[in-house]
Each structure stands twice: as C-alpha cells, then as structure tokens.
PDB file of N, CA and C in Angstrom:
ATOM      1  N   MET A   1      52.944  96.957 102.975  1.00  0.00           N
ATOM      2  CA  MET A   1      52.656  97.058 101.536  1.00  0.00           C
ATOM      3  C   MET A   1      52.670  98.251 100.703  1.00  0.00           C
ATOM      4  N   ALA A   2      53.778  98.050  99.234  1.00  0.00           N
ATOM      5  CA  ALA A   2      53.946  99.569  99.037  1.00  0.00           C
ATOM      6  C   ALA A   2      52.545  99.069  97.754  1.00  0.00           C
ATOM      7  N   SER A   3      52.738 100.485  97.606  1.00  0.00           N
ATOM      8  CA  SER A   3      51.363 101.048  96.716  1.00  0.00           C
ATOM      9  C   SER A   3      51.865 101.330  95.118  1.00  0.00           C
ATOM     10  N   ALA A   4      51.162 100.818  94.075  1.00  0.00           N
ATOM     11  CA  ALA A   4      51.612 100.371  92.454  1.00  0.00           C
ATOM     12  C   ALA A   4      50.804 100.935  91.913  1.00  0.00           C
ATOM     13  N   LEU A   5      51.435 101.719  90.457  1.00  0.00           N
ATOM     14  CA  LEU A   5      50.456 102.138  89.312  1.00  0.00           C
ATOM     15  C   LEU A   5      50.889 101.351  88.147  1.00  0.00           C
ATOM     16  N   ILE A   6      49.810 100.944  87.886  1.00  0.00           N
ATOM     17  CA  ILE A   6      50.251 100.031  86.394  1.00  0.00           C
ATOM     18  C   ILE A   6      49.355 100.810  85.243  1.00  0.00           C
ATOM     19  N   THR A   7      49.925 101.056  84.565  1.00  0.00           N
ATOM     20  CA  THR A   7      49.231 101.283  83.032  1.00  0.00           C
ATOM     21  C   THR A   7      48.886 100.626  82.505  1.00  0.00           C
ATOM     22  N   MET A   8      47.891  99.817  81.366  1.00  0.00           N
ATOM     23  CA  MET A   8      47.940  99.245  80.881  1.00  0.00           C
ATOM     24  C   MET A   8      46.942  98.984  79.737  1.00  0.00           C
ATOM     25  N   PRO A   9      46.504  98.795  78.792  1.00  0.00           N
ATOM     26  CA  PRO A   9      45.220  99.237  77.294  1.00  0.00           C
ATOM     27  C   PRO A   9      44.310  97.786  78.544  1.00  0.00           C
ATOM     28  N   ALA A  10      42.871  97.657  78.306  1.00  0.00           N
ATOM     29  CA  ALA A  10      42.214  96.358  79.105  1.00  0.00           C
ATOM     30  C   ALA A  10      42.064  95.563  78.511  1.00  0.00           C
ATOM     31  N   GLN A  11      42.044  96.054  76.733  1.00  0.00           N
ATOM     32  CA  GLN A  11      41.599  95.482  76.107  1.00  0.00           C
ATOM     33  C   GLN A  11      42.564  95.535  74.690  1.00  0.00           C
ATOM     34  N   ALA A  12      43.059  94.491  73.741  1.00  0.00           N
ATOM     35  CA  ALA A  12      43.976  94.866  72.304  1.00  0.00           C
ATOM     36  C   ALA A  12      43.372  93.977  71.688  1.00  0.00           C
ATOM     37  N   ARG A  13      43.930  93.998  70.296  1.00  0.00           N
ATOM     38  CA  ARG A  13      43.756  93.615  69.410  1.00  0.00           C
ATOM     39  C   ARG A  13      44.522  92.479  69.232  1.00  0.00           C
ATOM     40  N   ARG A  14      44.155  90.586  68.936  1.00  0.00           N
ATOM     41  CA  ARG A  14      45.448  89.453  69.136  1.00  0.00           C
ATOM     42  C   ARG A  14      46.443  90.570  67.311  1.00  0.00           C
ATOM     43  N   GLY A  15      48.058  90.035  68.466  1.00  0.00           N
ATOM     44  CA  GLY A  15      48.535  90.501  67.964  1.00  0.00           C
ATOM     45  C   GLY A  15      49.697  92.298  67.791  1.00  0.00           C
ATOM     46  N   GLU A  16      48.524  92.460  68.465  1.00  0.00           N
ATOM     47  CA  GLU A  16      49.116  94.535  68.722  1.00  0.00           C
ATOM     48  C   GLU A  16      49.929  94.584  69.418  1.00  0.00           C
ATOM     49  N   VAL A  17      50.879  95.213  69.723  1.00  0.00           N
ATOM     50  CA  VAL A  17      52.150  95.214  70.524  1.00  0.00           C
ATOM     51  C   VAL A  17      51.692  96.622  71.718  1.00  0.00           C
ATOM     52  N   ILE A  18      51.469  96.715  72.273  1.00  0.00           N
ATOM     53  CA  ILE A  18      51.127  96.574  73.917  1.00  0.00           C
ATOM     54  C   ILE A  18      52.246  97.460  74.899  1.00  0.00           C
ATOM     55  N   GLU A  19      52.025  98.882  75.602  1.00  0.00           N
ATOM     56  CA  GLU A  19      52.652  99.079  75.945  1.00  0.00           C
ATOM     57  C   GLU A  19      52.373  99.678  77.733  1.00  0.00           C
ATOM     58  N   ILE A  20      53.476  98.732  78.375  1.00  0.00           N
ATOM     59  CA  ILE A  20      53.136  98.645  80.000  1.00  0.00           C
ATOM     60  C   ILE A  20      54.164  99.648  80.673  1.00  0.00           C
ATOM     61  N   LYS A  21      53.036 100.116  81.498  1.00  0.00           N
ATOM     62  CA  LYS A  21      54.034 101.361  82.716  1.00  0.00           C
ATOM     63  C   LYS A  21      53.658 100.360  83.850  1.00  0.00           C
ATOM     64  N   ALA A  22      54.493 100.619  84.882  1.00  0.00           N
ATOM     65  CA  ALA A  22      54.916  99.885  86.280  1.00  0.00           C
ATOM     66  C   ALA A  22      55.810 100.746  87.038  1.00  0.00           C
ATOM     67  N   LEU A  23      54.774 101.568  87.481  1.00  0.00           N
ATOM     68  CA  LEU A  23      55.412 102.517  88.540  1.00  0.00           C
ATOM     69  C   LEU A  23      55.313 101.778  90.289  1.00  0.00           C
ATOM     70  N   ILE A  24      55.991 102.002  91.438  1.00  0.00           N
ATOM     71  CA  ILE A  24      56.144 101.654  92.358  1.00  0.00           C
ATOM     72  C   ILE A  24      56.371 102.544  93.556  1.00  0.00           C
ATOM     73  N   ALA A  25      55.575 102.713  94.450  1.00  0.00           N
ATOM     74  CA  ALA A  25      56.085 103.401  95.675  1.00  0.00           C
ATOM     75  C   ALA A  25      56.914 103.021  96.955  1.00  0.00           C
ATOM     76  N   HIS A  26      58.128 102.466  96.817  1.00  0.00           N
ATOM     77  CA  HIS A  26      59.543 102.458  97.396  1.00  0.00           C
ATOM     78  C   HIS A  26      60.318 103.582  97.742  1.00  0.00           C
ATOM     79  N   PRO A  27      60.916 103.221  98.929  1.00  0.00           N
ATOM     80  CA  PRO A  27      62.566 104.112  99.343  1.00  0.00           C
ATOM     81  C   PRO A  27      63.336 103.580  98.518  1.00  0.00           C
ATOM     82  N   MET A  28      63.955 102.727  98.250  1.00  0.00           N
ATOM     83  CA  MET A  28      65.149 102.530  97.565  1.00  0.00           C
ATOM     84  C   MET A  28      66.494 102.720  98.501  1.00  0.00           C
ATOM     85  N   GLU A  29      66.528 102.335  99.575  1.00  0.00           N
ATOM     86  CA  GLU A  29      67.946 103.229 100.141  1.00  0.00           C
ATOM     87  C   GLU A  29      69.174 102.221 100.158  1.00  0.00           C
ATOM     88  N   THR A  30      69.869 102.291  99.525  1.00  0.00           N
ATOM     89  CA  THR A  30      71.525 101.888  99.211  1.00  0.00           C
ATOM     90  C   THR A  30      71.984 100.965  99.821  1.00  0.00           C
ATOM     91  N   GLY A  31      72.196 101.913 101.025  1.00  0.00           N
ATOM     92  CA  GLY A  31      73.154 101.257 102.122  1.00  0.00           C
ATOM     93  C   GLY A  31      74.138 102.182 102.893  1.00  0.00           C
ATOM     94  N   PHE A  32      74.266 103.179 101.904  1.00  0.00           N
ATOM     95  CA  PHE A  32      75.562 104.039 101.763  1.00  0.00           C
ATOM     96  C   PHE A  32      75.416 105.371 102.303  1.00  0.00           C
ATOM     97  N   ARG A  33      73.723 105.717 102.281  1.00  0.00           N
ATOM     98  CA  ARG A  33      73.537 107.211 102.497  1.00  0.00           C
ATOM     99  C   ARG A  33      73.107 107.102 104.566  1.00  0.00           C
ATOM    100  N   PRO A  34      74.471 108.542 105.167  1.00  0.00           N
ATOM    101  CA  PRO A  34      73.565 108.293 106.981  1.00  0.00           C
ATOM    102  C   PRO A  34      72.400 108.900 106.989  1.00  0.00           C
ATOM    103  N   GLY A  35      72.099 108.529 107.936  1.00  0.00           N
ATOM    104  CA  GLY A  35      70.323 108.926 108.688  1.00  0.00           C
ATOM    105  C   GLY A  35      70.815 110.022 109.394  1.00  0.00           C
ATOM    106  N   ALA A  36      69.869 110.777 110.308  1.00  0.00           N
ATOM    107  CA  ALA A  36      69.847 111.462 111.081  1.00  0.00           C
ATOM    108  C   ALA A  36      70.763 112.044 112.150  1.00  0.00           C
ATOM    109  N   ASP A  37      70.939 110.614 112.838  1.00  0.00           N
ATOM    110  CA  ASP A  37      71.431 110.167 114.239  1.00  0.00           C
ATOM    111  C   ASP A  37      73.186 110.202 113.274  1.00  0.00           C
ATOM    112  N   GLY A  38      73.756 110.116 112.351  1.00  0.00           N
ATOM    113  CA  GLY A  38      74.674 109.543 111.410  1.00  0.00           C
ATOM    114  C   GLY A  38      75.076 108.603 111.343  1.00  0.00           C
ATOM    115  N   LYS A  39      74.604 107.555 111.475  1.00  0.00           N
ATOM    116  CA  LYS A  39      74.486 105.921 111.405  1.00  0.00           C
ATOM    117  C   LYS A  39      73.866 106.034 109.773  1.00  0.00           C
ATOM    118  N   VAL A  40      74.732 105.069 109.071  1.00  0.00           N
ATOM    119  CA  VAL A  40      74.710 104.617 107.772  1.00  0.00           C
ATOM    120  C   VAL A  40      72.791 104.084 107.811  1.00  0.00           C
ATOM    121  N   LEU A  41      71.987 103.896 106.943  1.00  0.00           N
ATOM    122  CA  LEU A  41      71.153 103.014 106.846  1.00  0.00           C
ATOM    123  C   LEU A  41      71.008 102.084 106.921  1.00  0.00           C
ATOM    124  N   ALA A  42      70.106 101.262 106.699  1.00  0.00           N
ATOM    125  CA  ALA A  42      69.962  99.962 106.333  1.00  0.00           C
ATOM    126  C   ALA A  42      69.885 100.334 104.608  1.00  0.00           C
ATOM    127  N   ARG A  43      70.786  99.038 103.628  1.00  0.00           N
ATOM    128  CA  ARG A  43      70.049  98.943 102.773  1.00  0.00           C
ATOM    129  C   ARG A  43      68.707  97.956 102.423  1.00  0.00           C
ATOM    130  N   ASP A  44      67.616  98.814 101.582  1.00  0.00           N
ATOM    131  CA  ASP A  44      66.063  98.103 101.846  1.00  0.00           C
ATOM    132  C   ASP A  44      66.065  98.815  99.747  1.00  0.00           C
ATOM    133  N   ILE A  45      66.636  97.530  99.042  1.00  0.00           N
ATOM    134  CA  ILE A  45      65.580  97.733  97.718  1.00  0.00           C
ATOM    135  C   ILE A  45      65.427  97.093  97.228  1.00  0.00           C
ATOM    136  N   ILE A  46      64.308  97.003  95.695  1.00  0.00           N
ATOM    137  CA  ILE A  46      63.547  95.954  95.370  1.00  0.00           C
ATOM    138  C   ILE A  46      64.847  95.564  94.130  1.00  0.00           C
ATOM    139  N   ARG A  47      65.312  94.464  94.526  1.00  0.00           N
ATOM    140  CA  ARG A  47      66.327  93.473  93.372  1.00  0.00           C
ATOM    141  C   ARG A  47      65.819  92.612  92.269  1.00  0.00           C
ATOM    142  N   ARG A  48      64.616  92.917  91.700  1.00  0.00           N
ATOM    143  CA  ARG A  48      63.894  92.144  91.039  1.00  0.00           C
ATOM    144  C   ARG A  48      62.372  92.364  90.651  1.00  0.00           C
ATOM    145  N   PHE A  49      62.064  92.796  89.230  1.00  0.00           N
ATOM    146  CA  PHE A  49      60.840  93.055  88.668  1.00  0.00           C
ATOM    147  C   PHE A  49      60.515  91.783  87.785  1.00  0.00           C
ATOM    148  N   THR A  50      58.981  91.441  87.756  1.00  0.00           N
ATOM    149  CA  THR A  50      59.037  90.217  86.293  1.00  0.00           C
ATOM    150  C   THR A  50      57.208  90.780  86.065  1.00  0.00           C
ATOM    151  N   CYS A  51      56.792  90.522  84.730  1.00  0.00           N
ATOM    152  CA  CYS A  51      56.153  90.174  83.856  1.00  0.00           C
ATOM    153  C   CYS A  51      55.487  89.484  83.709  1.00  0.00           C
ATOM    154  N   LEU A  52      54.697  88.443  83.938  1.00  0.00           N
ATOM    155  CA  LEU A  52      54.244  87.833  83.387  1.00  0.00           C
ATOM    156  C   LEU A  52      52.798  87.839  82.840  1.00  0.00           C
ATOM    157  N   TYR A  53      52.383  86.804  81.449  1.00  0.00           N
ATOM    158  CA  TYR A  53      51.078  86.652  80.799  1.00  0.00           C
ATOM    159  C   TYR A  53      51.074  85.269  80.778  1.00  0.00           C
ATOM    160  N   ASN A  54      50.157  85.066  81.584  1.00  0.00           N
ATOM    161  CA  ASN A  54      49.439  83.778  81.527  1.00  0.00           C
ATOM    162  C   ASN A  54      50.211  82.635  82.232  1.00  0.00           C
ATOM    163  N   GLY A  55      51.282  83.599  83.359  1.00  0.00           N
ATOM    164  CA  GLY A  55      52.267  82.534  83.205  1.00  0.00           C
ATOM    165  C   GLY A  55      53.301  82.361  82.910  1.00  0.00           C
ATOM    166  N   GLN A  56      53.574  83.092  81.015  1.00  0.00           N
ATOM    167  CA  GLN A  56      54.996  82.962  80.947  1.00  0.00           C
ATOM    168  C   GLN A  56      55.529  84.531  81.196  1.00  0.00           C
ATOM    169  N   GLN A  57      57.199  84.165  81.237  1.00  0.00           N
ATOM    170  CA  GLN A  57      57.765  85.680  81.668  1.00  0.00           C
ATOM    171  C   GLN A  57      57.556  86.418  80.086  1.00  0.00           C
ATOM    172  N   VAL A  58      57.529  87.441  80.279  1.00  0.00           N
ATOM    173  CA  VAL A  58      57.491  88.539  79.292  1.00  0.00           C
ATOM    174  C   VAL A  58      58.309  89.628  79.172  1.00  0.00           C
ATOM    175  N   PHE A  59      59.020  89.816  80.698  1.00  0.00           N
ATOM    176  CA  PHE A  59      59.849  90.556  80.790  1.00  0.00           C
ATOM    177  C   PHE A  59      60.080  90.910  82.455  1.00  0.00           C
ATOM    178  N   GLY A  60      61.594  90.641  82.182  1.00  0.00           N
ATOM    179  CA  GLY A  60      62.105  90.888  83.936  1.00  0.00           C
ATOM    180  C   GLY A  60      63.490  91.911  83.519  1.00  0.00           C
ATOM    181  N   ALA A  61      63.355  92.248  84.591  1.00  0.00           N
ATOM    182  CA  ALA A  61      64.925  93.616  85.500  1.00  0.00           C
ATOM    183  C   ALA A  61      65.007  93.362  86.959  1.00  0.00           C
ATOM    184  N   GLU A  62      66.489  93.400  86.734  1.00  0.00           N
ATOM    185  CA  GLU A  62      67.172  93.153  87.839  1.00  0.00           C
ATOM    186  C   GLU A  62      67.693  94.594  88.623  1.00  0.00           C
ATOM    187  N   LEU A  63      67.419  94.918  89.258  1.00  0.00           N
ATOM    188  CA  LEU A  63      68.013  96.205  89.855  1.00  0.00           C
ATOM    189  C   LEU A  63      68.441  96.615  91.278  1.00  0.00           C
ATOM    190  N   HIS A  64      69.033  97.553  90.998  1.00  0.00           N
ATOM    191  CA  HIS A  64      70.441  97.761  91.788  1.00  0.00           C
ATOM    192  C   HIS A  64      71.021  99.178  92.769  1.00  0.00           C
ATOM    193  N   PRO A  65      71.357  99.478  93.410  1.00  0.00           N
ATOM    194  CA  PRO A  65      71.364 100.482  93.909  1.00  0.00           C
ATOM    195  C   PRO A  65      70.854 101.692  94.015  1.00  0.00           C
ATOM    196  N   ALA A  66      71.487 101.767  92.433  1.00  0.00           N
ATOM    197  CA  ALA A  66      71.249 102.879  91.800  1.00  0.00           C
ATOM    198  C   ALA A  66      69.950 103.277  91.373  1.00  0.00           C
ATOM    199  N   ILE A  67      69.525 102.536  91.259  1.00  0.00           N
ATOM    200  CA  ILE A  67      67.756 103.087  90.338  1.00  0.00           C
ATOM    201  C   ILE A  67      67.383 103.725  91.839  1.00  0.00           C
ATOM    202  N   SER A  68      66.597 105.215  91.151  1.00  0.00           N
ATOM    203  CA  SER A  68      65.956 106.159  92.030  1.00  0.00           C
ATOM    204  C   SER A  68      64.728 105.346  93.438  1.00  0.00           C
ATOM    205  N   ALA A  69      64.242 105.919  94.057  1.00  0.00           N
ATOM    206  CA  ALA A  69      62.965 105.634  94.707  1.00  0.00           C
ATOM    207  C   ALA A  69      62.137 106.015  93.872  1.00  0.00           C
ATOM    208  N   ASN A  70      61.097 105.035  94.330  1.00  0.00           N
ATOM    209  CA  ASN A  70      59.500 104.700  93.483  1.00  0.00           C
ATOM    210  C   ASN A  70      59.950 104.578  92.006  1.00  0.00           C
ATOM    211  N   PRO A  71      60.838 102.933  91.978  1.00  0.00           N
ATOM    212  CA  PRO A  71      60.812 102.574  90.625  1.00  0.00           C
ATOM    213  C   PRO A  71      59.838 102.372  89.163  1.00  0.00           C
ATOM    214  N   TYR A  72      59.710 103.753  88.378  1.00  0.00           N
ATOM    215  CA  TYR A  72      59.010 103.568  87.233  1.00  0.00           C
ATOM    216  C   TYR A  72      59.624 102.544  85.858  1.00  0.00           C
ATOM    217  N   ILE A  73      58.829 101.598  85.421  1.00  0.00           N
ATOM    218  CA  ILE A  73      60.036 100.596  84.085  1.00  0.00           C
ATOM    219  C   ILE A  73      58.301 101.305  83.029  1.00  0.00           C
ATOM    220  N   ALA A  74      58.783 101.096  82.024  1.00  0.00           N
ATOM    221  CA  ALA A  74      57.830 100.778  80.680  1.00  0.00           C
ATOM    222  C   ALA A  74      58.311  99.978  79.590  1.00  0.00           C
ATOM    223  N   PHE A  75      57.241  99.049  79.250  1.00  0.00           N
ATOM    224  CA  PHE A  75      58.391  97.567  78.730  1.00  0.00           C
ATOM    225  C   PHE A  75      57.084  97.700  77.312  1.00  0.00           C
ATOM    226  N   PHE A  76      57.457  96.735  76.414  1.00  0.00           N
ATOM    227  CA  PHE A  76      56.056  95.912  75.121  1.00  0.00           C
ATOM    228  C   PHE A  76      56.070  95.128  75.485  1.00  0.00           C
ATOM    229  N   THR A  77      55.185  94.274  74.860  1.00  0.00           N
ATOM    230  CA  THR A  77      54.799  93.175  74.776  1.00  0.00           C
ATOM    231  C   THR A  77      53.740  93.231  73.980  1.00  0.00           C
ATOM    232  N   VAL A  78      53.542  91.729  73.270  1.00  0.00           N
ATOM    233  CA  VAL A  78      52.204  91.696  72.016  1.00  0.00           C
ATOM    234  C   VAL A  78      51.414  91.020  73.185  1.00  0.00           C
ATOM    235  N   ALA A  79      49.915  91.522  72.612  1.00  0.00           N
ATOM    236  CA  ALA A  79      48.258  90.933  72.888  1.00  0.00           C
ATOM    237  C   ALA A  79      48.452  89.869  72.277  1.00  0.00           C
ATOM    238  N   THR A  80      48.480  87.907  73.098  1.00  0.00           N
ATOM    239  CA  THR A  80      48.251  87.274  71.981  1.00  0.00           C
ATOM    240  C   THR A  80      46.433  86.361  72.174  1.00  0.00           C
ATOM    241  N   GLU A  81      46.517  86.393  73.517  1.00  0.00           N
ATOM    242  CA  GLU A  81      45.132  86.094  74.160  1.00  0.00           C
ATOM    243  C   GLU A  81      44.818  86.294  75.034  1.00  0.00           C
ATOM    244  N   ASN A  82      43.577  86.341  75.624  1.00  0.00           N
ATOM    245  CA  ASN A  82      42.442  86.539  76.781  1.00  0.00           C
ATOM    246  C   ASN A  82      43.129  86.240  77.997  1.00  0.00           C
ATOM    247  N   GLY A  83      43.230  86.919  78.941  1.00  0.00           N
ATOM    248  CA  GLY A  83      44.050  86.390  80.414  1.00  0.00           C
ATOM    249  C   GLY A  83      44.295  87.323  80.828  1.00  0.00           C
ATOM    250  N   THR A  84      45.569  87.043  82.170  1.00  0.00           N
ATOM    251  CA  THR A  84      45.817  88.237  83.247  1.00  0.00           C
ATOM    252  C   THR A  84      47.417  88.446  83.063  1.00  0.00           C
ATOM    253  N   LEU A  85      47.752  89.390  83.174  1.00  0.00           N
ATOM    254  CA  LEU A  85      49.230  90.293  83.473  1.00  0.00           C
ATOM    255  C   LEU A  85      49.801  89.771  85.080  1.00  0.00           C
ATOM    256  N   GLU A  86      50.922  89.426  85.562  1.00  0.00           N
ATOM    257  CA  GLU A  86      51.006  89.380  86.785  1.00  0.00           C
ATOM    258  C   GLU A  86      52.374  89.570  86.862  1.00  0.00           C
ATOM    259  N   PHE A  87      52.559  91.548  87.971  1.00  0.00           N
ATOM    260  CA  PHE A  87      53.692  91.843  87.492  1.00  0.00           C
ATOM    261  C   PHE A  87      54.170  91.896  89.620  1.00  0.00           C
ATOM    262  N   ARG A  88      54.970  91.456  89.452  1.00  0.00           N
ATOM    263  CA  ARG A  88      55.676  91.105  90.766  1.00  0.00           C
ATOM    264  C   ARG A  88      57.204  91.871  91.147  1.00  0.00           C
ATOM    265  N   TRP A  89      57.288  92.723  92.461  1.00  0.00           N
ATOM    266  CA  TRP A  89      58.810  93.030  92.986  1.00  0.00           C
ATOM    267  C   TRP A  89      59.031  92.705  94.126  1.00  0.00           C
ATOM    268  N   GLU A  90      60.753  92.039  93.675  1.00  0.00           N
ATOM    269  CA  GLU A  90      61.161  91.468  95.037  1.00  0.00           C
ATOM    270  C   GLU A  90      61.928  92.166  95.492  1.00  0.00           C
ATOM    271  N   GLY A  91      62.342  91.954  96.884  1.00  0.00           N
ATOM    272  CA  GLY A  91      63.394  92.867  97.659  1.00  0.00           C
ATOM    273  C   GLY A  91      64.337  92.635  98.572  1.00  0.00           C
ATOM    274  N   ASP A  92      65.322  93.277  99.209  1.00  0.00           N
ATOM    275  CA  ASP A  92      65.204  93.514 100.496  1.00  0.00           C
ATOM    276  C   ASP A  92      64.857  93.191 101.827  1.00  0.00           C
ATOM    277  N   ASN A  93      64.845  92.587 102.995  1.00  0.00           N
ATOM    278  CA  ASN A  93      64.059  92.520 104.016  1.00  0.00           C
ATOM    279  C   ASN A  93      62.798  91.702 103.381  1.00  0.00           C
ATOM    280  N   GLY A  94      62.866  91.149 103.032  1.00  0.00           N
ATOM    281  CA  GLY A  94      61.847  90.118 102.869  1.00  0.00           C
ATOM    282  C   GLY A  94      59.931  90.392 101.848  1.00  0.00           C
ATOM    283  N   PHE A  95      60.821  91.484 101.145  1.00  0.00           N
ATOM    284  CA  PHE A  95      60.044  92.936 100.154  1.00  0.00           C
ATOM    285  C   PHE A  95      59.570  91.839  99.361  1.00  0.00           C
ATOM    286  N   SER A  96      58.133  91.934  99.276  1.00  0.00           N
ATOM    287  CA  SER A  96      57.291  91.353  97.742  1.00  0.00           C
ATOM    288  C   SER A  96      56.336  91.507  97.708  1.00  0.00           C
ATOM    289  N   GLN A  97      56.030  92.106  96.268  1.00  0.00           N
ATOM    290  CA  GLN A  97      54.538  92.988  95.872  1.00  0.00           C
ATOM    291  C   GLN A  97      53.614  92.183  94.666  1.00  0.00           C
ATOM    292  N   ALA A  98      52.502  92.043  94.086  1.00  0.00           N
ATOM    293  CA  ALA A  98      52.305  91.671  93.352  1.00  0.00           C
ATOM    294  C   ALA A  98      51.118  92.171  92.888  1.00  0.00           C
ATOM    295  N   GLU A  99      51.403  92.335  91.958  1.00  0.00           N
ATOM    296  CA  GLU A  99      49.935  93.018  91.455  1.00  0.00           C
ATOM    297  C   GLU A  99      49.202  92.478  90.015  1.00  0.00           C
ATOM    298  N   THR A 100      48.087  91.792  89.651  1.00  0.00           N
ATOM    299  CA  THR A 100      47.430  91.110  88.862  1.00  0.00           C
ATOM    300  C   THR A 100      46.404  92.185  87.652  1.00  0.00           C
ATOM    301  N   ARG A 101      46.699  92.074  86.294  1.00  0.00           N
ATOM    302  CA  ARG A 101      45.568  93.042  85.589  1.00  0.00           C
ATOM    303  C   ARG A 101      45.055  92.439  84.617  1.00  0.00           C
ATOM    304  N   PRO A 102      44.045  92.192  83.762  1.00  0.00           N
ATOM    305  CA  PRO A 102      43.202  91.262  83.258  1.00  0.00           C
ATOM    306  C   PRO A 102      43.497  92.017  82.175  1.00  0.00           C
ATOM    307  N   ILE A 103      43.298  90.935  81.113  1.00  0.00           N
ATOM    308  CA  ILE A 103      43.624  91.715  79.540  1.00  0.00           C
ATOM    309  C   ILE A 103      42.809  91.495  78.679  1.00  0.00           C
ATOM    310  N   THR A 104      41.562  92.270  77.941  1.00  0.00           N
ATOM    311  CA  THR A 104      41.077  90.736  76.902  1.00  0.00           C
ATOM    312  C   THR A 104      41.322  91.562  75.520  1.00  0.00           C
ATOM    313  N   VAL A 105      41.665  90.631  74.712  1.00  0.00           N
ATOM    314  CA  VAL A 105      41.947  90.547  73.462  1.00  0.00           C
ATOM    315  C   VAL A 105      41.278  89.834  72.480  1.00  0.00           C
ATOM    316  N   MET A 106      40.838  90.760  71.258  1.00  0.00           N
ATOM    317  CA  MET A 106      39.471  90.466  70.186  1.00  0.00           C
ATOM    318  C   MET A 106      40.756  89.960  68.981  1.00  0.00           C
ATOM    319  N   GLY A 107      39.979  89.636  68.749  1.00  0.00           N
ATOM    320  CA  GLY A 107      39.982  89.237  66.824  1.00  0.00           C
ATOM    321  C   GLY A 107      41.238  87.789  66.750  1.00  0.00           C
TER     322      GLY A 107
END
C-alpha cells in the first residue's frame, strides 16, 4: 500500500473555491530503464487519478511514464455541500489506492 498525503481545508463557505493537493509515494517505473543486473525493469506506473465529491467526479487525470516518481497533483473545486472527497489512484500490476477526507460546508 502506497503512502498518500492530501492537503485540503476541513471546512469552507458554500461556493468557496478550495485548493486540493495530493501526493502519493510511488516509484513510477517507466519500463525503459535498466536495473543493476542490466535487464530492463518492468513498467509500474499510476495510470489514472480521480477525485469524487459525494460520488460525483470533480477532477481526473491520466498519467503516463514521463510523470516523475511520487506524483503530486494540485487542483481546485467549489465547496457545495457537506460530505466526503474520495481520491483514487489506479495503475499497473493491479495497483489501486483510495483515500477519503471529510469537508464541512458552512452557510
């Protein structure tokens, strides 16, 4: 299981634009680099990142081998109602990681 770091406000005013930052620890091996034994290391990348706000997708990104290790993604969304943001990373070799964070919307 990879380690994820998510930064976002725990509360916001209704209609406020909030910034969300997500970083996940992952090697993002391209499948082109030789290992210590000279053999090419197997490809192992995160291919997709999505963020769902109360079940509705508010952000999505397709990632490719050119993305660095430990991908960092920052984006904005509008705080509309109390609920949960779910962050999903999916990749090669059956890799899947999900994290959730609550948000309280005032006013």
